[in-house]
């Protein structure tokens, strides 16, 4: 389908017409001024002088018409190029079955707590999350997966995409404290809802992973949950880590820090959206979410058609360049014809 990106630029076609209407008036004022300043030439034989030089009479010639045509073509081509003509080619995405899965991962400073162990070695909460959730992401073949990280604020690290390996690579780059020390659970849910609401109903899933309480953000968690309910989004919540005193390393000093998890809030969030809450005190507990999400009925995503523009401005712009080149061969236009007529006189 043919279209113009800036069709309003066609108004510039009227510029020469307006100039043609205004120019005689300007010329008339200038002529009146010149006549007012005219100096009379006294000559004993003025009639003979007039007859000798004559008054130059001109008539349109082929060269002057060609010059006018070239100017017209130049202006039309430039305006047409400015209108940005384009050819719109329809493209339809293939229908696929799968979930629209948004992961919201807590990246606050507390995720550096050392209350997990792998093979007898202390590891941070974030390390366990990267391992377990990373494998979960890789297994989501055919699903669209997105990633939100939150701390003081919530940020979209990856939109929904079928490239699950890219999402896992982005997750691997997340470090505790990346987005602050606080925990904005409500903002994370609200941002995930915004990304999921445009997807087909029945396949919208949010997995929220956090180790703390809602201590920041502008959107209360329960208000964000109501938005999720209105959009038919199912939320699975995972509370990571232990309560009470947990080992923590800061500035190369090991200390014990008291940490809490708002389990009541996480249960309410999951319950109101027909999801489920998981308490993860070890790596094995995180694996259970696989079975829950795989038990959902997959929904076929509708095919979406988009129009891909192919710019065509090069053609009228090329025509304008050709007109400029031709005008360069005859730079004096009508004046050449006038000199030719004068020589014959």
C-alpha atoms as a PDB file:
ATOM      1  CA  UNK A   1       0.000   0.000   0.000  1.00  0.00           C
ATOM      2  CA  UNK A   2       1.312   3.405  -1.009  1.00  0.00           C
ATOM      3  CA  UNK A   3       1.329   6.179   1.586  1.00  0.00           C
ATOM      4  CA  UNK A   4       2.940   9.500   2.529  1.00  0.00           C
ATOM      5  CA  UNK A   5       4.532   9.924   5.958  1.00  0.00           C
ATOM      6  CA  UNK A   6       4.204  13.748   5.827  1.00  0.00           C
ATOM      7  CA  UNK A   7       1.233  14.406   3.491  1.00  0.00           C
ATOM      8  CA  UNK A   8       0.786  17.942   4.854  1.00  0.00           C
ATOM      9  CA  UNK A   9       4.013  18.920   3.056  1.00  0.00           C
ATOM     10  CA  UNK A  10       1.909  19.021  -0.142  1.00  0.00           C
ATOM     11  CA  UNK A  11       0.851  22.533   0.920  1.00  0.00           C
ATOM     12  CA  UNK A  12       4.263  23.691  -0.314  1.00  0.00           C
ATOM     13  CA  UNK A  13       3.010  23.120  -3.863  1.00  0.00           C
ATOM     14  CA  UNK A  14       0.983  26.317  -3.459  1.00  0.00           C
ATOM     15  CA  UNK A  15       4.077  28.430  -2.738  1.00  0.00           C
ATOM     16  CA  UNK A  16       4.865  29.231  -6.430  1.00  0.00           C
ATOM     17  CA  UNK A  17       1.202  30.141  -7.055  1.00  0.00           C
ATOM     18  CA  UNK A  18       1.162  32.527  -4.092  1.00  0.00           C
ATOM     19  CA  UNK A  19       4.469  34.017  -5.202  1.00  0.00           C
ATOM     20  CA  UNK A  20       3.081  34.542  -8.707  1.00  0.00           C
ATOM     21  CA  UNK A  21       0.113  36.432  -7.235  1.00  0.00           C
ATOM     22  CA  UNK A  22       2.199  38.578  -4.888  1.00  0.00           C
ATOM     23  CA  UNK A  23       5.147  39.307  -7.195  1.00  0.00           C
ATOM     24  CA  UNK A  24       3.301  41.659  -9.667  1.00  0.00           C
ATOM     25  CA  UNK A  25       2.180  43.831  -6.777  1.00  0.00           C
ATOM     26  CA  UNK A  26       5.730  44.094  -5.482  1.00  0.00           C
ATOM     27  CA  UNK A  27       6.968  44.871  -8.960  1.00  0.00           C
ATOM     28  CA  UNK A  28       4.260  47.508  -9.394  1.00  0.00           C
ATOM     29  CA  UNK A  29       5.323  49.293  -6.216  1.00  0.00           C
ATOM     30  CA  UNK A  30       8.937  49.188  -7.306  1.00  0.00           C
ATOM     31  CA  UNK A  31       8.064  50.513 -10.770  1.00  0.00           C
ATOM     32  CA  UNK A  32       6.065  53.358  -9.241  1.00  0.00           C
ATOM     33  CA  UNK A  33       9.020  54.228  -7.053  1.00  0.00           C
ATOM     34  CA  UNK A  34      11.400  54.151 -10.037  1.00  0.00           C
ATOM     35  CA  UNK A  35       9.105  56.399 -12.060  1.00  0.00           C
ATOM     36  CA  UNK A  36       9.036  58.862  -9.193  1.00  0.00           C
ATOM     37  CA  UNK A  37      12.806  58.951  -9.252  1.00  0.00           C
ATOM     38  CA  UNK A  38      13.029  59.054 -13.085  1.00  0.00           C
ATOM     39  CA  UNK A  39      15.499  61.507 -14.690  1.00  0.00           C
ATOM     40  CA  UNK A  40      14.413  62.969 -18.013  1.00  0.00           C
ATOM     41  CA  UNK A  41      16.935  62.545 -20.837  1.00  0.00           C
ATOM     42  CA  UNK A  42      17.191  65.634 -23.054  1.00  0.00           C
ATOM     43  CA  UNK A  43      18.190  64.801 -26.653  1.00  0.00           C
ATOM     44  CA  UNK A  44      17.706  66.898 -29.825  1.00  0.00           C
ATOM     45  CA  UNK A  45      16.582  63.858 -31.841  1.00  0.00           C
ATOM     46  CA  UNK A  46      14.826  61.621 -29.346  1.00  0.00           C
ATOM     47  CA  UNK A  47      12.630  59.991 -32.012  1.00  0.00           C
ATOM     48  CA  UNK A  48      15.661  58.889 -34.021  1.00  0.00           C
ATOM     49  CA  UNK A  49      17.353  57.559 -30.862  1.00  0.00           C
ATOM     50  CA  UNK A  50      14.285  55.508 -29.965  1.00  0.00           C
ATOM     51  CA  UNK A  51      14.040  54.168 -33.498  1.00  0.00           C
ATOM     52  CA  UNK A  52      17.739  53.248 -33.566  1.00  0.00           C
ATOM     53  CA  UNK A  53      17.690  51.182 -30.340  1.00  0.00           C
ATOM     54  CA  UNK A  54      14.062  50.145 -30.445  1.00  0.00           C
ATOM     55  CA  UNK A  55      12.155  48.462 -27.665  1.00  0.00           C
ATOM     56  CA  UNK A  56      13.080  44.833 -27.074  1.00  0.00           C
ATOM     57  CA  UNK A  57      10.106  42.648 -27.903  1.00  0.00           C
ATOM     58  CA  UNK A  58      10.231  39.036 -26.854  1.00  0.00           C
ATOM     59  CA  UNK A  59       8.012  36.059 -27.403  1.00  0.00           C
ATOM     60  CA  UNK A  60       8.119  32.717 -25.674  1.00  0.00           C
ATOM     61  CA  UNK A  61      10.512  30.252 -27.263  1.00  0.00           C
ATOM     62  CA  UNK A  62      11.129  26.527 -26.928  1.00  0.00           C
ATOM     63  CA  UNK A  63      14.156  27.137 -24.701  1.00  0.00           C
ATOM     64  CA  UNK A  64      12.207  29.353 -22.300  1.00  0.00           C
ATOM     65  CA  UNK A  65       9.398  26.795 -22.116  1.00  0.00           C
ATOM     66  CA  UNK A  66      11.888  24.039 -21.363  1.00  0.00           C
ATOM     67  CA  UNK A  67      13.388  26.181 -18.617  1.00  0.00           C
ATOM     68  CA  UNK A  68       9.967  26.705 -17.033  1.00  0.00           C
ATOM     69  CA  UNK A  69       9.154  23.001 -17.282  1.00  0.00           C
ATOM     70  CA  UNK A  70      12.431  22.056 -15.600  1.00  0.00           C
ATOM     71  CA  UNK A  71      11.767  24.490 -12.758  1.00  0.00           C
ATOM     72  CA  UNK A  72       8.286  23.040 -12.313  1.00  0.00           C
ATOM     73  CA  UNK A  73       9.601  19.465 -12.278  1.00  0.00           C
ATOM     74  CA  UNK A  74      12.311  20.438  -9.776  1.00  0.00           C
ATOM     75  CA  UNK A  75       9.812  21.961  -7.356  1.00  0.00           C
ATOM     76  CA  UNK A  76       7.318  19.093  -7.672  1.00  0.00           C
ATOM     77  CA  UNK A  77      10.049  16.498  -7.114  1.00  0.00           C
ATOM     78  CA  UNK A  78      11.434  18.295  -4.048  1.00  0.00           C
ATOM     79  CA  UNK A  79       7.994  18.613  -2.465  1.00  0.00           C
ATOM     80  CA  UNK A  80       7.221  14.971  -3.259  1.00  0.00           C
ATOM     81  CA  UNK A  81      10.482  13.867  -1.606  1.00  0.00           C
ATOM     82  CA  UNK A  82       9.673  16.015   1.446  1.00  0.00           C
ATOM     83  CA  UNK A  83       6.304  14.256   1.756  1.00  0.00           C
ATOM     84  CA  UNK A  84       8.314  11.029   2.305  1.00  0.00           C
ATOM     85  CA  UNK A  85       6.482   8.553   0.074  1.00  0.00           C
ATOM     86  CA  UNK A  86       6.637   4.963   1.310  1.00  0.00           C
ATOM     87  CA  UNK A  87       5.376   1.542   0.382  1.00  0.00           C
ATOM     88  CA  UNK A  88       3.774  -0.305   3.298  1.00  0.00           C
ATOM     89  CA  UNK A  89       4.270  -4.060   3.238  1.00  0.00           C
ATOM     90  CA  UNK A  90       2.064  -6.129   5.600  1.00  0.00           C
ATOM     91  CA  UNK A  91       3.829  -8.582   7.873  1.00  0.00           C
ATOM     92  CA  UNK A  92       2.009 -11.089  10.068  1.00  0.00           C
ATOM     93  CA  UNK A  93       3.584 -12.818  13.049  1.00  0.00           C
ATOM     94  CA  UNK A  94       3.042 -16.567  13.212  1.00  0.00           C
ATOM     95  CA  UNK A  95       0.662 -17.961  15.785  1.00  0.00           C
ATOM     96  CA  UNK A  96       2.399 -19.813  18.586  1.00  0.00           C
ATOM     97  CA  UNK A  97       1.237 -21.513  21.757  1.00  0.00           C
ATOM     98  CA  UNK A  98       2.895 -20.476  24.972  1.00  0.00           C
ATOM     99  CA  UNK A  99       2.846 -18.306  28.046  1.00  0.00           C
ATOM    100  CA  UNK A 100       3.577 -14.639  28.396  1.00  0.00           C
ATOM    101  CA  UNK A 101       5.824 -14.878  31.427  1.00  0.00           C
ATOM    102  CA  UNK A 102       7.202 -11.834  33.225  1.00  0.00           C
ATOM    103  CA  UNK A 103       9.871 -12.331  35.895  1.00  0.00           C
ATOM    104  CA  UNK A 104      10.207  -9.665  38.601  1.00  0.00           C
ATOM    105  CA  UNK A 105      13.457 -10.230  40.509  1.00  0.00           C
ATOM    106  CA  UNK A 106      14.428  -8.380  43.667  1.00  0.00           C
ATOM    107  CA  UNK A 107      17.857  -6.780  43.144  1.00  0.00           C
ATOM    108  CA  UNK A 108      18.074  -4.903  46.439  1.00  0.00           C
ATOM    109  CA  UNK A 109      21.194  -4.931  48.626  1.00  0.00           C
ATOM    110  CA  UNK A 110      19.777  -7.646  50.892  1.00  0.00           C
ATOM    111  CA  UNK A 111      20.076 -10.200  48.079  1.00  0.00           C
ATOM    112  CA  UNK A 112      23.764 -10.390  48.994  1.00  0.00           C
ATOM    113  CA  UNK A 113      22.930 -12.246  52.241  1.00  0.00           C
ATOM    114  CA  UNK A 114      24.827 -15.540  52.657  1.00  0.00           C
ATOM    115  CA  UNK A 115      22.068 -17.815  53.965  1.00  0.00           C
ATOM    116  CA  UNK A 116      22.198 -20.385  51.145  1.00  0.00           C
ATOM    117  CA  UNK A 117      24.729 -23.145  50.624  1.00  0.00           C
ATOM    118  CA  UNK A 118      25.658 -25.139  47.545  1.00  0.00           C
ATOM    119  CA  UNK A 119      27.917 -28.184  47.985  1.00  0.00           C
ATOM    120  CA  UNK A 120      28.745 -27.039  51.489  1.00  0.00           C
ATOM    121  CA  UNK A 121      29.805 -23.563  50.379  1.00  0.00           C
ATOM    122  CA  UNK A 122      28.013 -20.356  51.397  1.00  0.00           C
ATOM    123  CA  UNK A 123      26.500 -18.471  48.465  1.00  0.00           C
ATOM    124  CA  UNK A 124      24.374 -15.358  48.197  1.00  0.00           C
ATOM    125  CA  UNK A 125      20.655 -15.326  47.610  1.00  0.00           C
ATOM    126  CA  UNK A 126      21.238 -13.708  44.226  1.00  0.00           C
ATOM    127  CA  UNK A 127      23.561 -16.522  43.141  1.00  0.00           C
ATOM    128  CA  UNK A 128      20.887 -19.123  43.885  1.00  0.00           C
ATOM    129  CA  UNK A 129      18.254 -17.069  42.080  1.00  0.00           C
ATOM    130  CA  UNK A 130      20.475 -16.764  39.009  1.00  0.00           C
ATOM    131  CA  UNK A 131      21.054 -20.521  38.930  1.00  0.00           C
ATOM    132  CA  UNK A 132      17.521 -21.765  39.513  1.00  0.00           C
ATOM    133  CA  UNK A 133      15.603 -19.022  37.694  1.00  0.00           C
ATOM    134  CA  UNK A 134      18.180 -19.092  34.902  1.00  0.00           C
ATOM    135  CA  UNK A 135      17.527 -22.775  34.262  1.00  0.00           C
ATOM    136  CA  UNK A 136      13.816 -22.073  34.472  1.00  0.00           C
ATOM    137  CA  UNK A 137      14.126 -19.372  31.793  1.00  0.00           C
ATOM    138  CA  UNK A 138      16.114 -21.625  29.475  1.00  0.00           C
ATOM    139  CA  UNK A 139      13.427 -24.315  29.745  1.00  0.00           C
ATOM    140  CA  UNK A 140      10.716 -21.927  28.568  1.00  0.00           C
ATOM    141  CA  UNK A 141      11.019 -22.894  24.901  1.00  0.00           C
ATOM    142  CA  UNK A 142       8.096 -21.354  22.994  1.00  0.00           C
ATOM    143  CA  UNK A 143       7.177 -18.931  25.800  1.00  0.00           C
ATOM    144  CA  UNK A 144       7.650 -15.184  25.709  1.00  0.00           C
ATOM    145  CA  UNK A 145       9.724 -14.177  28.711  1.00  0.00           C
ATOM    146  CA  UNK A 146      10.469 -10.705  30.085  1.00  0.00           C
ATOM    147  CA  UNK A 147      12.547  -9.491  33.024  1.00  0.00           C
ATOM    148  CA  UNK A 148      11.899  -6.723  35.562  1.00  0.00           C
ATOM    149  CA  UNK A 149      14.365  -5.900  38.348  1.00  0.00           C
ATOM    150  CA  UNK A 150      13.414  -3.797  41.351  1.00  0.00           C
ATOM    151  CA  UNK A 151      14.954  -2.148  44.384  1.00  0.00           C
ATOM    152  CA  UNK A 152      14.329   1.523  45.126  1.00  0.00           C
ATOM    153  CA  UNK A 153      12.506   1.581  41.773  1.00  0.00           C
ATOM    154  CA  UNK A 154      11.387  -0.984  39.197  1.00  0.00           C
ATOM    155  CA  UNK A 155      12.994  -1.217  35.762  1.00  0.00           C
ATOM    156  CA  UNK A 156      12.334  -3.297  32.659  1.00  0.00           C
ATOM    157  CA  UNK A 157      15.543  -5.138  31.892  1.00  0.00           C
ATOM    158  CA  UNK A 158      14.007  -7.099  29.013  1.00  0.00           C
ATOM    159  CA  UNK A 159      10.610  -6.846  27.275  1.00  0.00           C
ATOM    160  CA  UNK A 160       8.673  -9.990  26.461  1.00  0.00           C
ATOM    161  CA  UNK A 161      10.691 -11.966  23.948  1.00  0.00           C
ATOM    162  CA  UNK A 162      11.099 -15.481  22.573  1.00  0.00           C
ATOM    163  CA  UNK A 163      14.880 -15.127  22.947  1.00  0.00           C
ATOM    164  CA  UNK A 164      15.095 -16.777  26.358  1.00  0.00           C
ATOM    165  CA  UNK A 165      18.876 -17.062  26.159  1.00  0.00           C
ATOM    166  CA  UNK A 166      19.177 -13.279  25.943  1.00  0.00           C
ATOM    167  CA  UNK A 167      16.942 -12.891  28.999  1.00  0.00           C
ATOM    168  CA  UNK A 168      19.081 -15.347  30.963  1.00  0.00           C
ATOM    169  CA  UNK A 169      22.232 -13.473  29.945  1.00  0.00           C
ATOM    170  CA  UNK A 170      20.691 -10.245  31.258  1.00  0.00           C
ATOM    171  CA  UNK A 171      19.775 -11.959  34.530  1.00  0.00           C
ATOM    172  CA  UNK A 172      23.381 -13.124  34.927  1.00  0.00           C
ATOM    173  CA  UNK A 173      24.477  -9.482  34.870  1.00  0.00           C
ATOM    174  CA  UNK A 174      22.260  -8.455  37.796  1.00  0.00           C
ATOM    175  CA  UNK A 175      24.087  -7.819  41.101  1.00  0.00           C
ATOM    176  CA  UNK A 176      22.672  -7.040  44.567  1.00  0.00           C
ATOM    177  CA  UNK A 177      22.187  -3.314  45.054  1.00  0.00           C
ATOM    178  CA  UNK A 178      21.989  -2.679  41.310  1.00  0.00           C
ATOM    179  CA  UNK A 179      18.829  -0.578  41.729  1.00  0.00           C
ATOM    180  CA  UNK A 180      19.181   0.469  45.361  1.00  0.00           C
ATOM    181  CA  UNK A 181      18.832  -0.962  48.833  1.00  0.00           C
ATOM    182  CA  UNK A 182      15.047  -0.729  49.331  1.00  0.00           C
ATOM    183  CA  UNK A 183      12.297  -2.996  47.941  1.00  0.00           C
ATOM    184  CA  UNK A 184       9.530  -1.567  45.735  1.00  0.00           C
ATOM    185  CA  UNK A 185       7.257  -4.604  45.376  1.00  0.00           C
ATOM    186  CA  UNK A 186       4.187  -2.587  44.307  1.00  0.00           C
ATOM    187  CA  UNK A 187       6.079  -0.777  41.550  1.00  0.00           C
ATOM    188  CA  UNK A 188       7.467  -4.088  40.256  1.00  0.00           C
ATOM    189  CA  UNK A 189       3.973  -5.605  40.007  1.00  0.00           C
ATOM    190  CA  UNK A 190       2.594  -2.459  38.366  1.00  0.00           C
ATOM    191  CA  UNK A 191       5.365  -2.386  35.757  1.00  0.00           C
ATOM    192  CA  UNK A 192       4.909  -6.083  34.976  1.00  0.00           C
ATOM    193  CA  UNK A 193       1.138  -5.576  34.567  1.00  0.00           C
ATOM    194  CA  UNK A 194       1.815  -2.778  32.106  1.00  0.00           C
ATOM    195  CA  UNK A 195       3.965  -5.117  29.994  1.00  0.00           C
ATOM    196  CA  UNK A 196       1.558  -8.075  30.166  1.00  0.00           C
ATOM    197  CA  UNK A 197      -1.810  -6.392  29.647  1.00  0.00           C
ATOM    198  CA  UNK A 198      -1.433  -6.191  25.865  1.00  0.00           C
ATOM    199  CA  UNK A 199      -0.913  -9.935  25.549  1.00  0.00           C
ATOM    200  CA  UNK A 200      -3.729 -12.483  24.975  1.00  0.00           C
ATOM    201  CA  UNK A 201      -5.835 -13.404  27.985  1.00  0.00           C
ATOM    202  CA  UNK A 202      -5.209 -16.714  29.707  1.00  0.00           C
ATOM    203  CA  UNK A 203      -1.451 -16.808  29.251  1.00  0.00           C
ATOM    204  CA  UNK A 204      -0.373 -13.819  31.354  1.00  0.00           C
ATOM    205  CA  UNK A 205       1.862 -14.921  34.206  1.00  0.00           C
ATOM    206  CA  UNK A 206       4.042 -12.992  36.644  1.00  0.00           C
ATOM    207  CA  UNK A 207       6.671 -14.629  38.854  1.00  0.00           C
ATOM    208  CA  UNK A 208       7.708 -12.307  41.682  1.00  0.00           C
ATOM    209  CA  UNK A 209      10.918 -13.170  43.541  1.00  0.00           C
ATOM    210  CA  UNK A 210      11.775 -11.147  46.652  1.00  0.00           C
ATOM    211  CA  UNK A 211      13.498 -11.532  50.018  1.00  0.00           C
ATOM    212  CA  UNK A 212      11.998  -8.674  51.952  1.00  0.00           C
ATOM    213  CA  UNK A 213       9.140  -6.286  52.646  1.00  0.00           C
ATOM    214  CA  UNK A 214       7.712  -3.437  50.588  1.00  0.00           C
ATOM    215  CA  UNK A 215       9.764  -0.447  51.736  1.00  0.00           C
ATOM    216  CA  UNK A 216       9.765   1.850  48.698  1.00  0.00           C
ATOM    217  CA  UNK A 217       7.857   2.801  45.577  1.00  0.00           C
ATOM    218  CA  UNK A 218       4.877   4.968  44.715  1.00  0.00           C
ATOM    219  CA  UNK A 219       2.334   2.169  44.121  1.00  0.00           C
ATOM    220  CA  UNK A 220       1.045   0.127  47.101  1.00  0.00           C
ATOM    221  CA  UNK A 221       1.350  -3.634  46.466  1.00  0.00           C
ATOM    222  CA  UNK A 222      -2.360  -4.390  46.960  1.00  0.00           C
ATOM    223  CA  UNK A 223      -3.338  -1.590  44.572  1.00  0.00           C
ATOM    224  CA  UNK A 224      -0.963  -3.095  42.004  1.00  0.00           C
ATOM    225  CA  UNK A 225      -2.547  -6.504  42.613  1.00  0.00           C
ATOM    226  CA  UNK A 226      -5.982  -5.076  41.787  1.00  0.00           C
ATOM    227  CA  UNK A 227      -4.582  -3.953  38.454  1.00  0.00           C
ATOM    228  CA  UNK A 228      -3.281  -7.476  37.873  1.00  0.00           C
ATOM    229  CA  UNK A 229      -6.686  -8.966  38.735  1.00  0.00           C
ATOM    230  CA  UNK A 230      -8.453  -6.616  36.300  1.00  0.00           C
ATOM    231  CA  UNK A 231      -6.087  -7.760  33.531  1.00  0.00           C
ATOM    232  CA  UNK A 232      -6.382 -11.469  34.316  1.00  0.00           C
ATOM    233  CA  UNK A 233      -2.733 -11.840  35.321  1.00  0.00           C
ATOM    234  CA  UNK A 234      -1.783 -14.749  37.554  1.00  0.00           C
ATOM    235  CA  UNK A 235       1.019 -14.012  40.041  1.00  0.00           C
ATOM    236  CA  UNK A 236       3.343 -16.565  41.627  1.00  0.00           C
ATOM    237  CA  UNK A 237       5.333 -15.186  44.552  1.00  0.00           C
ATOM    238  CA  UNK A 238       8.555 -16.605  45.969  1.00  0.00           C
ATOM    239  CA  UNK A 239       9.922 -15.558  49.339  1.00  0.00           C
ATOM    240  CA  UNK A 240      13.677 -16.116  49.266  1.00  0.00           C
ATOM    241  CA  UNK A 241      15.969 -16.623  52.266  1.00  0.00           C
ATOM    242  CA  UNK A 242      15.713 -17.076  56.000  1.00  0.00           C
ATOM    243  CA  UNK A 243      14.143 -14.861  58.634  1.00  0.00           C
ATOM    244  CA  UNK A 244      15.986 -13.436  61.582  1.00  0.00           C
ATOM    245  CA  UNK A 245      19.765 -13.079  61.807  1.00  0.00           C
ATOM    246  CA  UNK A 246      21.558 -14.025  58.599  1.00  0.00           C
ATOM    247  CA  UNK A 247      25.241 -13.690  57.633  1.00  0.00           C
ATOM    248  CA  UNK A 248      26.073 -10.674  55.526  1.00  0.00           C
ATOM    249  CA  UNK A 249      29.374  -9.314  54.201  1.00  0.00           C
ATOM    250  CA  UNK A 250      29.834  -5.577  53.783  1.00  0.00           C
ATOM    251  CA  UNK A 251      33.117  -3.713  53.277  1.00  0.00           C
ATOM    252  CA  UNK A 252      34.953  -7.038  53.709  1.00  0.00           C
ATOM    253  CA  UNK A 253      33.414  -7.436  57.175  1.00  0.00           C
ATOM    254  CA  UNK A 254      31.218 -10.369  58.086  1.00  0.00           C
ATOM    255  CA  UNK A 255      28.261  -9.542  60.282  1.00  0.00           C
ATOM    256  CA  UNK A 256      24.875 -10.884  61.274  1.00  0.00           C
ATOM    257  CA  UNK A 257      21.927  -8.817  60.062  1.00  0.00           C
ATOM    258  CA  UNK A 258      18.272  -9.206  61.041  1.00  0.00           C
ATOM    259  CA  UNK A 259      16.058  -9.671  57.944  1.00  0.00           C
ATOM    260  CA  UNK A 260      12.330 -10.234  57.554  1.00  0.00           C
ATOM    261  CA  UNK A 261      10.052 -11.396  54.745  1.00  0.00           C
ATOM    262  CA  UNK A 262       6.474 -10.155  54.502  1.00  0.00           C
ATOM    263  CA  UNK A 263       4.975 -13.590  53.870  1.00  0.00           C
ATOM    264  CA  UNK A 264       1.443 -12.396  54.525  1.00  0.00           C
ATOM    265  CA  UNK A 265       1.701  -9.865  51.719  1.00  0.00           C
ATOM    266  CA  UNK A 266       3.170 -12.424  49.315  1.00  0.00           C
ATOM    267  CA  UNK A 267       0.396 -14.908  50.134  1.00  0.00           C
ATOM    268  CA  UNK A 268      -2.282 -12.250  49.550  1.00  0.00           C
ATOM    269  CA  UNK A 269      -0.740 -11.242  46.245  1.00  0.00           C
ATOM    270  CA  UNK A 270      -0.718 -14.835  45.039  1.00  0.00           C
ATOM    271  CA  UNK A 271      -4.150 -15.688  46.459  1.00  0.00           C
ATOM    272  CA  UNK A 272      -5.955 -12.708  44.936  1.00  0.00           C
ATOM    273  CA  UNK A 273      -4.659 -13.612  41.468  1.00  0.00           C
ATOM    274  CA  UNK A 274      -5.208 -17.412  41.670  1.00  0.00           C
ATOM    275  CA  UNK A 275      -1.469 -17.963  41.849  1.00  0.00           C
ATOM    276  CA  UNK A 276       0.624 -19.612  44.545  1.00  0.00           C
ATOM    277  CA  UNK A 277       3.172 -18.616  47.169  1.00  0.00           C
ATOM    278  CA  UNK A 278       6.441 -20.489  47.653  1.00  0.00           C
ATOM    279  CA  UNK A 279       8.758 -20.223  50.618  1.00  0.00           C
ATOM    280  CA  UNK A 280      12.295 -20.847  49.376  1.00  0.00           C
ATOM    281  CA  UNK A 281      14.780 -21.572  52.109  1.00  0.00           C
ATOM    282  CA  UNK A 282      16.940 -23.741  49.861  1.00  0.00           C
ATOM    283  CA  UNK A 283      17.570 -24.207  46.155  1.00  0.00           C
ATOM    284  CA  UNK A 284      15.279 -27.240  45.894  1.00  0.00           C
ATOM    285  CA  UNK A 285      12.251 -25.233  47.044  1.00  0.00           C
ATOM    286  CA  UNK A 286      12.582 -22.915  44.072  1.00  0.00           C
ATOM    287  CA  UNK A 287      12.312 -25.792  41.612  1.00  0.00           C
ATOM    288  CA  UNK A 288       8.644 -26.432  42.520  1.00  0.00           C
ATOM    289  CA  UNK A 289       7.429 -23.489  40.496  1.00  0.00           C
ATOM    290  CA  UNK A 290       8.196 -25.423  37.296  1.00  0.00           C
ATOM    291  CA  UNK A 291       5.358 -27.850  37.884  1.00  0.00           C
ATOM    292  CA  UNK A 292       2.868 -25.117  38.758  1.00  0.00           C
ATOM    293  CA  UNK A 293       3.460 -23.048  35.646  1.00  0.00           C
ATOM    294  CA  UNK A 294       3.683 -26.081  33.337  1.00  0.00           C
ATOM    295  CA  UNK A 295       0.242 -27.092  34.619  1.00  0.00           C
ATOM    296  CA  UNK A 296      -1.347 -23.982  33.117  1.00  0.00           C
ATOM    297  CA  UNK A 297      -3.245 -24.293  29.854  1.00  0.00           C
ATOM    298  CA  UNK A 298      -1.256 -22.786  27.044  1.00  0.00           C
ATOM    299  CA  UNK A 299      -3.020 -20.094  25.051  1.00  0.00           C
ATOM    300  CA  UNK A 300      -2.561 -19.485  21.365  1.00  0.00           C
ATOM    301  CA  UNK A 301      -1.338 -15.964  20.756  1.00  0.00           C
ATOM    302  CA  UNK A 302      -3.248 -14.179  18.032  1.00  0.00           C
ATOM    303  CA  UNK A 303      -1.435 -13.320  14.831  1.00  0.00           C
ATOM    304  CA  UNK A 304      -0.618  -9.628  14.641  1.00  0.00           C
ATOM    305  CA  UNK A 305      -0.159  -7.800  11.372  1.00  0.00           C
ATOM    306  CA  UNK A 306       2.107  -4.800  11.143  1.00  0.00           C
ATOM    307  CA  UNK A 307       2.908  -2.563   8.195  1.00  0.00           C
ATOM    308  CA  UNK A 308       6.631  -2.326   7.456  1.00  0.00           C
ATOM    309  CA  UNK A 309       7.439   0.910   5.570  1.00  0.00           C
ATOM    310  CA  UNK A 310       9.820   0.904   2.614  1.00  0.00           C
ATOM    311  CA  UNK A 311      10.949   4.509   1.900  1.00  0.00           C
ATOM    312  CA  UNK A 312      10.597   5.747  -1.697  1.00  0.00           C
ATOM    313  CA  UNK A 313      11.840   9.346  -1.328  1.00  0.00           C
ATOM    314  CA  UNK A 314      14.998   8.482  -3.292  1.00  0.00           C
ATOM    315  CA  UNK A 315      13.073   8.407  -6.567  1.00  0.00           C
ATOM    316  CA  UNK A 316      11.631  11.972  -6.510  1.00  0.00           C
ATOM    317  CA  UNK A 317      14.894  13.216  -4.999  1.00  0.00           C
ATOM    318  CA  UNK A 318      16.813  11.643  -7.877  1.00  0.00           C
ATOM    319  CA  UNK A 319      14.439  13.306 -10.356  1.00  0.00           C
ATOM    320  CA  UNK A 320      15.089  16.645  -8.661  1.00  0.00           C
ATOM    321  CA  UNK A 321      18.854  16.153  -9.027  1.00  0.00           C
ATOM    322  CA  UNK A 322      18.447  15.427 -12.729  1.00  0.00           C
ATOM    323  CA  UNK A 323      16.401  18.632 -13.107  1.00  0.00           C
ATOM    324  CA  UNK A 324      19.141  20.606 -11.329  1.00  0.00           C
ATOM    325  CA  UNK A 325      21.760  19.161 -13.677  1.00  0.00           C
ATOM    326  CA  UNK A 326      19.711  20.103 -16.736  1.00  0.00           C
ATOM    327  CA  UNK A 327      19.175  23.598 -15.382  1.00  0.00           C
ATOM    328  CA  UNK A 328      22.939  23.838 -14.914  1.00  0.00           C
ATOM    329  CA  UNK A 329      23.409  23.293 -18.628  1.00  0.00           C
ATOM    330  CA  UNK A 330      21.251  26.368 -19.321  1.00  0.00           C
ATOM    331  CA  UNK A 331      21.935  28.578 -16.291  1.00  0.00           C
ATOM    332  CA  UNK A 332      20.694  31.816 -17.875  1.00  0.00           C
ATOM    333  CA  UNK A 333      17.296  30.539 -18.995  1.00  0.00           C
ATOM    334  CA  UNK A 334      15.153  33.191 -20.669  1.00  0.00           C
ATOM    335  CA  UNK A 335      17.965  35.731 -20.644  1.00  0.00           C
ATOM    336  CA  UNK A 336      19.862  33.715 -23.262  1.00  0.00           C
ATOM    337  CA  UNK A 337      16.865  34.009 -25.563  1.00  0.00           C
ATOM    338  CA  UNK A 338      16.695  37.770 -24.948  1.00  0.00           C
ATOM    339  CA  UNK A 339      20.343  38.228 -25.929  1.00  0.00           C
ATOM    340  CA  UNK A 340      19.793  36.119 -29.030  1.00  0.00           C
ATOM    341  CA  UNK A 341      16.855  38.278 -30.075  1.00  0.00           C
ATOM    342  CA  UNK A 342      18.841  41.464 -29.421  1.00  0.00           C
ATOM    343  CA  UNK A 343      21.681  40.288 -31.657  1.00  0.00           C
ATOM    344  CA  UNK A 344      19.297  39.688 -34.551  1.00  0.00           C
ATOM    345  CA  UNK A 345      17.773  43.132 -34.023  1.00  0.00           C
END
